[in-house]
């Protein structure tokens, strides 16, 4: 018998990978005022097993690829410090990346 997520005790999972730009760590206070304070506040928020740092060009490439298949929601703040964007990649958590890759490979055959 199929059960709804609610009957199972909730959603299968709300998983979000946090991706931030690695260039942020290389910026210095004289060039970008307040970057050190921002970094101290951001690092604990971005820590964890689902957190990654990528080169900004890699992030842009991933956004381009995702935009071909999915809609992208962009939330913009008034913060004007370069390379401090944070990207969330949402995943339903129904199964892992390896199982998804096997399915996509099988569909490509």
Foldseek 3Di string as FASTA:
>chain_A
DDDDCVVVPHFLDKDKAKEFAPCLVVDDCVVFPPSVVVCVVVVVVQDDDRHDHDHPVVVVVVVVVVVVPDDDDDDDDPDDTPRGDMDIDIDSNPDDPVVVVVVVVVVVD
